[in-house]
Amino acid sequence: MSHAAGRQSIFITGAASGMGRETARLFREQGWFIGAFDVNQAGLDALQAELGADNCMIQTLDVSDKAQFDAAVATFGAATDGRMDILFNNAGIIMRGYFDEMSFEDQLKIINVNVIGVMNGTHSALPLLKETPNALCFNTSSSSATMGMPLIAVYSASKHAVKGLTEAWSNEFKRFDIRCADALPGLIRTGMTSDEFLAKAPTKGPFRLIEAVEVAKVVWASYHNEHKLHWYIPEELAELDKAASNDPELLRDKLARNMEL
């Protein structure tokens, strides 16, 4: 098995594609050891071939399964001598449709991956994070955590939960010298973004299409910024969050008009 050999290390869920893959690439370029975890074995194999087997470890992981997460963290810890500089809770899924037209099972799966997965990961990783000075727990939230978004209601709710957990943990974990922050991306070019959405993506404004590598850059920046809690991608989305707080009815009605609901 590959070994970190004294290098700093990052544990990435959802690493086989999109934002997770770009983060693995960026941190490898900076000399870090990568723990890449995903349900997609083929994607993990391709990533390891790119990064080099000496620079990363890969393992399939269903983040909604706590026992699997405990095992993944144990394997990672064996490769890093019990350290973890960054936990990147990035794995997530999205399904679109009216709430009443989607199956309950599909909507529960969103919660299990997007919320329970983050809780599982953080709970499992805390022993390693506690042993690592200046460790960071970094979570992927979403711009849909600024306001409840129609047609992705449960996904939006799941990302509100991630944002809330991040805020709470950022205070709770201070006693362990562990920082906590999150990314709130807008429209990112990933495998989760349908061709229909990509075709309609604006070329400017807060909901313009952003490349996944921009999220990776934010993870890197967050590790080197001890204070910042929420990272909006692009930064203009912070104004949307403020607008939702100041006048939620106005923003709700604007969403309805824009989406022709």
C-alpha atoms as a PDB file:
ATOM      1  CA  MET A   1       0.000   0.000   0.000  1.00  0.00           C
ATOM      2  CA  SER A   2       1.192   3.533  -0.764  1.00  0.00           C
ATOM      3  CA  HIS A   3       2.323   5.697   2.148  1.00  0.00           C
ATOM      4  CA  ALA A   4       2.291   9.428   2.796  1.00  0.00           C
ATOM      5  CA  ALA A   5       5.903   9.303   4.014  1.00  0.00           C
ATOM      6  CA  GLY A   6       5.634  12.521   5.976  1.00  0.00           C
ATOM      7  CA  ARG A   7       3.663  14.445   3.381  1.00  0.00           C
ATOM      8  CA  GLN A   8       0.548  16.408   4.252  1.00  0.00           C
ATOM      9  CA  SER A   9      -2.605  14.508   3.397  1.00  0.00           C
ATOM     10  CA  ILE A  10      -6.178  15.100   2.263  1.00  0.00           C
ATOM     11  CA  PHE A  11      -9.097  12.661   2.404  1.00  0.00           C
ATOM     12  CA  ILE A  12     -11.526  13.347  -0.469  1.00  0.00           C
ATOM     13  CA  THR A  13     -14.974  11.827  -0.951  1.00  0.00           C
ATOM     14  CA  GLY A  14     -16.522  11.976  -4.401  1.00  0.00           C
ATOM     15  CA  ALA A  15     -12.965  11.974  -5.726  1.00  0.00           C
ATOM     16  CA  ALA A  16     -13.504  10.074  -8.974  1.00  0.00           C
ATOM     17  CA  SER A  17     -14.910  13.021 -10.916  1.00  0.00           C
ATOM     18  CA  GLY A  18     -15.730  16.709 -10.938  1.00  0.00           C
ATOM     19  CA  MET A  19     -14.739  18.858  -7.979  1.00  0.00           C
ATOM     20  CA  GLY A  20     -13.220  15.959  -6.059  1.00  0.00           C
ATOM     21  CA  ARG A  21     -10.997  14.905  -8.939  1.00  0.00           C
ATOM     22  CA  GLU A  22      -9.824  18.467  -9.581  1.00  0.00           C
ATOM     23  CA  THR A  23      -9.023  18.856  -5.887  1.00  0.00           C
ATOM     24  CA  ALA A  24      -6.981  15.653  -5.934  1.00  0.00           C
ATOM     25  CA  ARG A  25      -5.051  16.934  -8.943  1.00  0.00           C
ATOM     26  CA  LEU A  26      -4.328  20.330  -7.414  1.00  0.00           C
ATOM     27  CA  PHE A  27      -3.180  18.958  -4.076  1.00  0.00           C
ATOM     28  CA  ARG A  28      -1.004  16.357  -5.776  1.00  0.00           C
ATOM     29  CA  GLU A  29       0.675  19.180  -7.702  1.00  0.00           C
ATOM     30  CA  GLN A  30       1.421  20.785  -4.342  1.00  0.00           C
ATOM     31  CA  GLY A  31       3.106  17.633  -3.068  1.00  0.00           C
ATOM     32  CA  TRP A  32       0.316  16.299  -0.861  1.00  0.00           C
ATOM     33  CA  PHE A  33      -0.677  12.670  -0.371  1.00  0.00           C
ATOM     34  CA  ILE A  34      -4.197  11.974  -1.608  1.00  0.00           C
ATOM     35  CA  GLY A  35      -6.825   9.644  -0.198  1.00  0.00           C
ATOM     36  CA  ALA A  36      -9.416   9.277  -2.956  1.00  0.00           C
ATOM     37  CA  PHE A  37     -12.783   7.697  -2.159  1.00  0.00           C
ATOM     38  CA  ASP A  38     -15.858   7.195  -4.317  1.00  0.00           C
ATOM     39  CA  VAL A  39     -18.457   4.622  -5.333  1.00  0.00           C
ATOM     40  CA  ASN A  40     -16.997   4.703  -8.859  1.00  0.00           C
ATOM     41  CA  GLN A  41     -14.128   2.190  -8.957  1.00  0.00           C
ATOM     42  CA  ALA A  42     -13.299   2.844 -12.617  1.00  0.00           C
ATOM     43  CA  GLY A  43     -13.022   6.563 -11.948  1.00  0.00           C
ATOM     44  CA  LEU A  44     -10.749   5.930  -8.970  1.00  0.00           C
ATOM     45  CA  ASP A  45      -8.528   3.636 -11.030  1.00  0.00           C
ATOM     46  CA  ALA A  46      -8.166   6.326 -13.695  1.00  0.00           C
ATOM     47  CA  LEU A  47      -7.333   8.940 -11.069  1.00  0.00           C
ATOM     48  CA  GLN A  48      -4.683   6.751  -9.460  1.00  0.00           C
ATOM     49  CA  ALA A  49      -3.114   6.084 -12.852  1.00  0.00           C
ATOM     50  CA  GLU A  50      -2.902   9.839 -13.381  1.00  0.00           C
ATOM     51  CA  LEU A  51      -1.606  10.793  -9.936  1.00  0.00           C
ATOM     52  CA  GLY A  52       0.727   7.837  -9.480  1.00  0.00           C
ATOM     53  CA  ALA A  53       0.269   4.960  -7.065  1.00  0.00           C
ATOM     54  CA  ASP A  54       2.943   6.333  -4.709  1.00  0.00           C
ATOM     55  CA  ASN A  55       1.047   9.592  -4.343  1.00  0.00           C
ATOM     56  CA  CYS A  56      -2.417   8.384  -3.493  1.00  0.00           C
ATOM     57  CA  MET A  57      -4.543   5.606  -2.117  1.00  0.00           C
ATOM     58  CA  ILE A  58      -7.964   4.731  -3.488  1.00  0.00           C
ATOM     59  CA  GLN A  59     -10.895   2.857  -2.013  1.00  0.00           C
ATOM     60  CA  THR A  60     -14.557   2.504  -2.888  1.00  0.00           C
ATOM     61  CA  LEU A  61     -16.807   4.125  -0.319  1.00  0.00           C
ATOM     62  CA  ASP A  62     -20.530   4.611   0.101  1.00  0.00           C
ATOM     63  CA  VAL A  63     -20.527   7.649   2.376  1.00  0.00           C
ATOM     64  CA  SER A  64     -23.998   6.820   3.688  1.00  0.00           C
ATOM     65  CA  ASP A  65     -22.593   3.648   5.310  1.00  0.00           C
ATOM     66  CA  LYS A  66     -20.899   4.495   8.630  1.00  0.00           C
ATOM     67  CA  ALA A  67     -19.098   1.162   8.885  1.00  0.00           C
ATOM     68  CA  GLN A  68     -17.592   1.676   5.424  1.00  0.00           C
ATOM     69  CA  PHE A  69     -16.487   5.168   6.415  1.00  0.00           C
ATOM     70  CA  ASP A  70     -14.844   3.907   9.605  1.00  0.00           C
ATOM     71  CA  ALA A  71     -12.941   1.328   7.560  1.00  0.00           C
ATOM     72  CA  ALA A  72     -11.888   3.893   4.946  1.00  0.00           C
ATOM     73  CA  VAL A  73     -10.552   6.258   7.608  1.00  0.00           C
ATOM     74  CA  ALA A  74      -8.663   3.408   9.272  1.00  0.00           C
ATOM     75  CA  THR A  75      -6.997   2.499   5.969  1.00  0.00           C
ATOM     76  CA  PHE A  76      -6.145   6.145   5.333  1.00  0.00           C
ATOM     77  CA  GLY A  77      -4.720   6.522   8.841  1.00  0.00           C
ATOM     78  CA  ALA A  78      -2.474   3.519   8.319  1.00  0.00           C
ATOM     79  CA  ALA A  79      -1.044   5.245   5.239  1.00  0.00           C
ATOM     80  CA  THR A  80      -0.552   8.611   6.964  1.00  0.00           C
ATOM     81  CA  ASP A  81       0.680   7.549  10.402  1.00  0.00           C
ATOM     82  CA  GLY A  82      -2.591   8.591  11.986  1.00  0.00           C
ATOM     83  CA  ARG A  83      -2.785  12.092  10.498  1.00  0.00           C
ATOM     84  CA  MET A  84      -5.303  13.891   8.299  1.00  0.00           C
ATOM     85  CA  ASP A  85      -4.647  17.516   7.379  1.00  0.00           C
ATOM     86  CA  ILE A  86      -7.905  17.970   5.466  1.00  0.00           C
ATOM     87  CA  LEU A  87     -11.160  16.053   5.378  1.00  0.00           C
ATOM     88  CA  PHE A  88     -13.024  17.087   2.228  1.00  0.00           C
ATOM     89  CA  ASN A  89     -16.648  15.967   2.549  1.00  0.00           C
ATOM     90  CA  ASN A  90     -17.457  16.409  -1.122  1.00  0.00           C
ATOM     91  CA  ALA A  91     -19.586  13.429  -2.208  1.00  0.00           C
ATOM     92  CA  GLY A  92     -23.122  14.400  -3.148  1.00  0.00           C
ATOM     93  CA  ILE A  93     -26.021  13.591  -5.436  1.00  0.00           C
ATOM     94  CA  ILE A  94     -28.848  15.625  -6.949  1.00  0.00           C
ATOM     95  CA  MET A  95     -32.198  14.671  -8.463  1.00  0.00           C
ATOM     96  CA  ARG A  96     -34.541  17.183 -10.031  1.00  0.00           C
ATOM     97  CA  GLY A  97     -38.312  17.328 -10.125  1.00  0.00           C
ATOM     98  CA  TYR A  98     -41.391  18.432  -8.240  1.00  0.00           C
ATOM     99  CA  PHE A  99     -41.372  17.118  -4.677  1.00  0.00           C
ATOM    100  CA  ASP A 100     -44.724  15.351  -5.109  1.00  0.00           C
ATOM    101  CA  GLU A 101     -43.617  13.667  -8.334  1.00  0.00           C
ATOM    102  CA  MET A 102     -40.353  12.218  -7.031  1.00  0.00           C
ATOM    103  CA  SER A 103     -40.254   8.933  -5.167  1.00  0.00           C
ATOM    104  CA  PHE A 104     -39.737   9.094  -1.429  1.00  0.00           C
ATOM    105  CA  GLU A 105     -36.897   6.581  -1.767  1.00  0.00           C
ATOM    106  CA  ASP A 106     -34.988   8.856  -4.155  1.00  0.00           C
ATOM    107  CA  GLN A 107     -35.408  11.846  -1.879  1.00  0.00           C
ATOM    108  CA  LEU A 108     -34.279   9.870   1.156  1.00  0.00           C
ATOM    109  CA  LYS A 109     -31.182   8.807  -0.787  1.00  0.00           C
ATOM    110  CA  ILE A 110     -30.299  12.481  -1.296  1.00  0.00           C
ATOM    111  CA  ILE A 111     -30.442  13.039   2.460  1.00  0.00           C
ATOM    112  CA  ASN A 112     -28.464   9.885   3.203  1.00  0.00           C
ATOM    113  CA  VAL A 113     -25.617  10.838   0.867  1.00  0.00           C
ATOM    114  CA  ASN A 114     -25.553  14.620   1.238  1.00  0.00           C
ATOM    115  CA  VAL A 115     -26.255  14.968   4.961  1.00  0.00           C
ATOM    116  CA  ILE A 116     -25.686  11.630   6.669  1.00  0.00           C
ATOM    117  CA  GLY A 117     -22.586  11.168   4.511  1.00  0.00           C
ATOM    118  CA  VAL A 118     -21.094  14.404   5.850  1.00  0.00           C
ATOM    119  CA  MET A 119     -21.976  13.435   9.412  1.00  0.00           C
ATOM    120  CA  ASN A 120     -20.482   9.971   8.937  1.00  0.00           C
ATOM    121  CA  GLY A 121     -17.287  11.354   7.460  1.00  0.00           C
ATOM    122  CA  THR A 122     -16.735  13.952  10.119  1.00  0.00           C
ATOM    123  CA  HIS A 123     -17.508  11.593  12.995  1.00  0.00           C
ATOM    124  CA  SER A 124     -15.204   8.905  11.579  1.00  0.00           C
ATOM    125  CA  ALA A 125     -12.357  11.306  10.792  1.00  0.00           C
ATOM    126  CA  LEU A 126     -12.322  13.311  14.018  1.00  0.00           C
ATOM    127  CA  PRO A 127      -9.771  11.074  15.780  1.00  0.00           C
ATOM    128  CA  LEU A 128      -7.253  11.686  12.970  1.00  0.00           C
ATOM    129  CA  LEU A 129      -8.098  15.370  12.666  1.00  0.00           C
ATOM    130  CA  LYS A 130      -7.540  15.797  16.408  1.00  0.00           C
ATOM    131  CA  GLU A 131      -4.031  14.374  16.046  1.00  0.00           C
ATOM    132  CA  THR A 132      -3.123  16.786  13.241  1.00  0.00           C
ATOM    133  CA  PRO A 133      -2.198  20.409  14.000  1.00  0.00           C
ATOM    134  CA  ASN A 134      -4.232  23.010  12.103  1.00  0.00           C
ATOM    135  CA  ALA A 135      -6.501  20.362  10.561  1.00  0.00           C
ATOM    136  CA  LEU A 136      -9.426  21.410   8.373  1.00  0.00           C
ATOM    137  CA  CYS A 137     -12.857  19.856   7.897  1.00  0.00           C
ATOM    138  CA  PHE A 138     -14.100  21.230   4.574  1.00  0.00           C
ATOM    139  CA  ASN A 139     -17.608  20.523   3.290  1.00  0.00           C
ATOM    140  CA  THR A 140     -19.328  21.013  -0.057  1.00  0.00           C
ATOM    141  CA  SER A 141     -22.547  22.949   0.455  1.00  0.00           C
ATOM    142  CA  SER A 142     -24.227  24.800  -2.426  1.00  0.00           C
ATOM    143  CA  SER A 143     -25.648  28.108  -3.577  1.00  0.00           C
ATOM    144  CA  SER A 144     -28.999  26.371  -3.078  1.00  0.00           C
ATOM    145  CA  ALA A 145     -28.300  26.674   0.655  1.00  0.00           C
ATOM    146  CA  THR A 146     -28.974  30.404   0.395  1.00  0.00           C
ATOM    147  CA  MET A 147     -32.685  29.921  -0.367  1.00  0.00           C
ATOM    148  CA  GLY A 148     -34.938  26.900  -0.739  1.00  0.00           C
ATOM    149  CA  MET A 149     -34.797  26.089  -4.454  1.00  0.00           C
ATOM    150  CA  PRO A 150     -37.856  24.695  -6.252  1.00  0.00           C
ATOM    151  CA  LEU A 151     -37.460  21.520  -8.308  1.00  0.00           C
ATOM    152  CA  ILE A 152     -34.487  20.526  -6.142  1.00  0.00           C
ATOM    153  CA  ALA A 153     -36.218  20.989  -2.795  1.00  0.00           C
ATOM    154  CA  VAL A 154     -34.659  18.081  -0.913  1.00  0.00           C
ATOM    155  CA  TYR A 155     -31.218  18.694  -2.420  1.00  0.00           C
ATOM    156  CA  SER A 156     -31.515  22.336  -1.381  1.00  0.00           C
ATOM    157  CA  ALA A 157     -32.561  21.299   2.124  1.00  0.00           C
ATOM    158  CA  SER A 158     -29.616  18.906   2.338  1.00  0.00           C
ATOM    159  CA  LYS A 159     -27.194  21.697   1.516  1.00  0.00           C
ATOM    160  CA  HIS A 160     -28.836  23.993   4.075  1.00  0.00           C
ATOM    161  CA  ALA A 161     -28.073  21.222   6.563  1.00  0.00           C
ATOM    162  CA  VAL A 162     -24.431  21.029   5.481  1.00  0.00           C
ATOM    163  CA  LYS A 163     -24.101  24.790   5.842  1.00  0.00           C
ATOM    164  CA  GLY A 164     -25.608  24.643   9.320  1.00  0.00           C
ATOM    165  CA  LEU A 165     -23.352  21.789  10.387  1.00  0.00           C
ATOM    166  CA  THR A 166     -20.334  23.711   9.117  1.00  0.00           C
ATOM    167  CA  GLU A 167     -21.268  26.778  11.126  1.00  0.00           C
ATOM    168  CA  ALA A 168     -21.852  24.790  14.309  1.00  0.00           C
ATOM    169  CA  TRP A 169     -18.757  22.639  13.946  1.00  0.00           C
ATOM    170  CA  SER A 170     -16.566  25.677  13.263  1.00  0.00           C
ATOM    171  CA  ASN A 171     -17.168  26.649  16.889  1.00  0.00           C
ATOM    172  CA  GLU A 172     -17.391  23.179  18.436  1.00  0.00           C
ATOM    173  CA  PHE A 173     -14.110  21.958  16.952  1.00  0.00           C
ATOM    174  CA  LYS A 174     -12.091  24.970  18.104  1.00  0.00           C
ATOM    175  CA  ARG A 175     -11.321  23.102  21.293  1.00  0.00           C
ATOM    176  CA  PHE A 176      -9.446  20.538  19.181  1.00  0.00           C
ATOM    177  CA  ASP A 177      -7.637  23.117  16.991  1.00  0.00           C
ATOM    178  CA  ILE A 178      -9.720  21.892  14.047  1.00  0.00           C
ATOM    179  CA  ARG A 179     -11.132  24.418  11.619  1.00  0.00           C
ATOM    180  CA  CYS A 180     -14.334  23.949   9.622  1.00  0.00           C
ATOM    181  CA  ALA A 181     -15.439  25.736   6.452  1.00  0.00           C
ATOM    182  CA  ASP A 182     -17.498  25.082   3.338  1.00  0.00           C
ATOM    183  CA  ALA A 183     -17.861  25.881  -0.343  1.00  0.00           C
ATOM    184  CA  LEU A 184     -21.149  27.184  -1.732  1.00  0.00           C
ATOM    185  CA  PRO A 185     -20.757  26.733  -5.494  1.00  0.00           C
ATOM    186  CA  GLY A 186     -23.210  27.936  -8.078  1.00  0.00           C
ATOM    187  CA  LEU A 187     -23.377  26.204 -11.460  1.00  0.00           C
ATOM    188  CA  ILE A 188     -20.302  23.987 -11.766  1.00  0.00           C
ATOM    189  CA  ARG A 189     -19.354  21.884 -14.775  1.00  0.00           C
ATOM    190  CA  THR A 190     -19.459  18.359 -13.306  1.00  0.00           C
ATOM    191  CA  GLY A 191     -21.063  15.034 -14.108  1.00  0.00           C
ATOM    192  CA  MET A 192     -24.012  16.096 -11.943  1.00  0.00           C
ATOM    193  CA  THR A 193     -24.780  18.990 -14.296  1.00  0.00           C
ATOM    194  CA  SER A 194     -27.083  17.887 -17.095  1.00  0.00           C
ATOM    195  CA  ASP A 195     -26.482  18.846 -20.721  1.00  0.00           C
ATOM    196  CA  GLU A 196     -29.771  20.756 -20.607  1.00  0.00           C
ATOM    197  CA  PHE A 197     -28.528  22.936 -17.758  1.00  0.00           C
ATOM    198  CA  LEU A 198     -25.173  23.450 -19.440  1.00  0.00           C
ATOM    199  CA  ALA A 199     -26.862  24.565 -22.651  1.00  0.00           C
ATOM    200  CA  LYS A 200     -28.884  27.172 -20.771  1.00  0.00           C
ATOM    201  CA  ALA A 201     -26.044  28.376 -18.542  1.00  0.00           C
ATOM    202  CA  PRO A 202     -25.509  32.149 -18.603  1.00  0.00           C
ATOM    203  CA  THR A 203     -22.107  33.487 -19.560  1.00  0.00           C
ATOM    204  CA  LYS A 204     -22.069  36.167 -16.864  1.00  0.00           C
ATOM    205  CA  GLY A 205     -23.607  36.881 -13.490  1.00  0.00           C
ATOM    206  CA  PRO A 206     -23.556  34.829 -10.275  1.00  0.00           C
ATOM    207  CA  PHE A 207     -25.009  31.739 -11.970  1.00  0.00           C
ATOM    208  CA  ARG A 208     -22.558  31.627 -14.871  1.00  0.00           C
ATOM    209  CA  LEU A 209     -20.915  28.284 -15.555  1.00  0.00           C
ATOM    210  CA  ILE A 210     -17.817  27.722 -13.401  1.00  0.00           C
ATOM    211  CA  GLU A 211     -15.158  25.084 -13.969  1.00  0.00           C
ATOM    212  CA  ALA A 212     -14.692  22.475 -11.246  1.00  0.00           C
ATOM    213  CA  VAL A 213     -11.060  23.459 -10.709  1.00  0.00           C
ATOM    214  CA  GLU A 214     -12.274  26.707  -9.121  1.00  0.00           C
ATOM    215  CA  VAL A 215     -13.665  24.685  -6.225  1.00  0.00           C
ATOM    216  CA  ALA A 216     -10.317  22.928  -5.837  1.00  0.00           C
ATOM    217  CA  LYS A 217      -8.623  26.323  -5.601  1.00  0.00           C
ATOM    218  CA  VAL A 218     -11.032  27.295  -2.838  1.00  0.00           C
ATOM    219  CA  VAL A 219     -10.206  24.166  -0.816  1.00  0.00           C
ATOM    220  CA  TRP A 220      -6.532  25.095  -1.084  1.00  0.00           C
ATOM    221  CA  ALA A 221      -7.228  28.710  -0.149  1.00  0.00           C
ATOM    222  CA  SER A 222      -9.351  27.668   2.811  1.00  0.00           C
ATOM    223  CA  TYR A 223      -6.540  25.604   4.278  1.00  0.00           C
ATOM    224  CA  HIS A 224      -4.361  28.710   4.231  1.00  0.00           C
ATOM    225  CA  ASN A 225      -7.055  31.054   5.589  1.00  0.00           C
ATOM    226  CA  GLU A 226      -7.823  30.368   9.240  1.00  0.00           C
ATOM    227  CA  HIS A 227     -10.792  32.718   9.528  1.00  0.00           C
ATOM    228  CA  LYS A 228     -13.113  32.451   6.522  1.00  0.00           C
ATOM    229  CA  LEU A 229     -16.172  30.247   7.033  1.00  0.00           C
ATOM    230  CA  HIS A 230     -18.194  30.298   3.791  1.00  0.00           C
ATOM    231  CA  TRP A 231     -16.568  30.333   0.348  1.00  0.00           C
ATOM    232  CA  TYR A 232     -19.008  31.398  -2.370  1.00  0.00           C
ATOM    233  CA  ILE A 233     -18.152  30.396  -5.943  1.00  0.00           C
ATOM    234  CA  PRO A 234     -18.347  32.856  -7.574  1.00  0.00           C
ATOM    235  CA  GLU A 235     -18.070  35.422  -4.780  1.00  0.00           C
ATOM    236  CA  GLU A 236     -21.122  37.358  -6.018  1.00  0.00           C
ATOM    237  CA  LEU A 237     -23.304  34.595  -4.592  1.00  0.00           C
ATOM    238  CA  ALA A 238     -22.639  36.022  -1.142  1.00  0.00           C
ATOM    239  CA  GLU A 239     -24.988  38.861  -2.076  1.00  0.00           C
ATOM    240  CA  LEU A 240     -27.725  36.318  -2.807  1.00  0.00           C
ATOM    241  CA  ASP A 241     -27.304  34.927   0.690  1.00  0.00           C
ATOM    242  CA  LYS A 242     -27.668  38.407   2.150  1.00  0.00           C
ATOM    243  CA  ALA A 243     -30.733  39.084   0.005  1.00  0.00           C
ATOM    244  CA  ALA A 244     -32.368  35.873   1.197  1.00  0.00           C
ATOM    245  CA  SER A 245     -31.836  36.934   4.791  1.00  0.00           C
ATOM    246  CA  ASN A 246     -33.036  40.498   4.272  1.00  0.00           C
ATOM    247  CA  ASP A 247     -36.127  39.805   2.162  1.00  0.00           C
ATOM    248  CA  PRO A 248     -36.879  36.098   1.645  1.00  0.00           C
ATOM    249  CA  GLU A 249     -40.327  36.793   0.172  1.00  0.00           C
ATOM    250  CA  LEU A 250     -38.869  39.006  -2.541  1.00  0.00           C
ATOM    251  CA  LEU A 251     -36.290  36.400  -3.489  1.00  0.00           C
ATOM    252  CA  ARG A 252     -38.899  33.617  -3.391  1.00  0.00           C
ATOM    253  CA  ASP A 253     -41.165  35.505  -5.793  1.00  0.00           C
ATOM    254  CA  LYS A 254     -38.256  36.360  -8.081  1.00  0.00           C
ATOM    255  CA  LEU A 255     -37.317  32.684  -8.271  1.00  0.00           C
ATOM    256  CA  ALA A 256     -40.896  31.783  -9.147  1.00  0.00           C
ATOM    257  CA  ARG A 257     -40.936  34.297 -12.006  1.00  0.00           C
ATOM    258  CA  ASN A 258     -37.549  33.279 -13.350  1.00  0.00           C
ATOM    259  CA  MET A 259     -38.461  29.593 -13.271  1.00  0.00           C
ATOM    260  CA  GLU A 260     -41.971  30.244 -14.602  1.00  0.00           C
ATOM    261  CA  LEU A 261     -43.608  28.502 -11.656  1.00  0.00           C
END
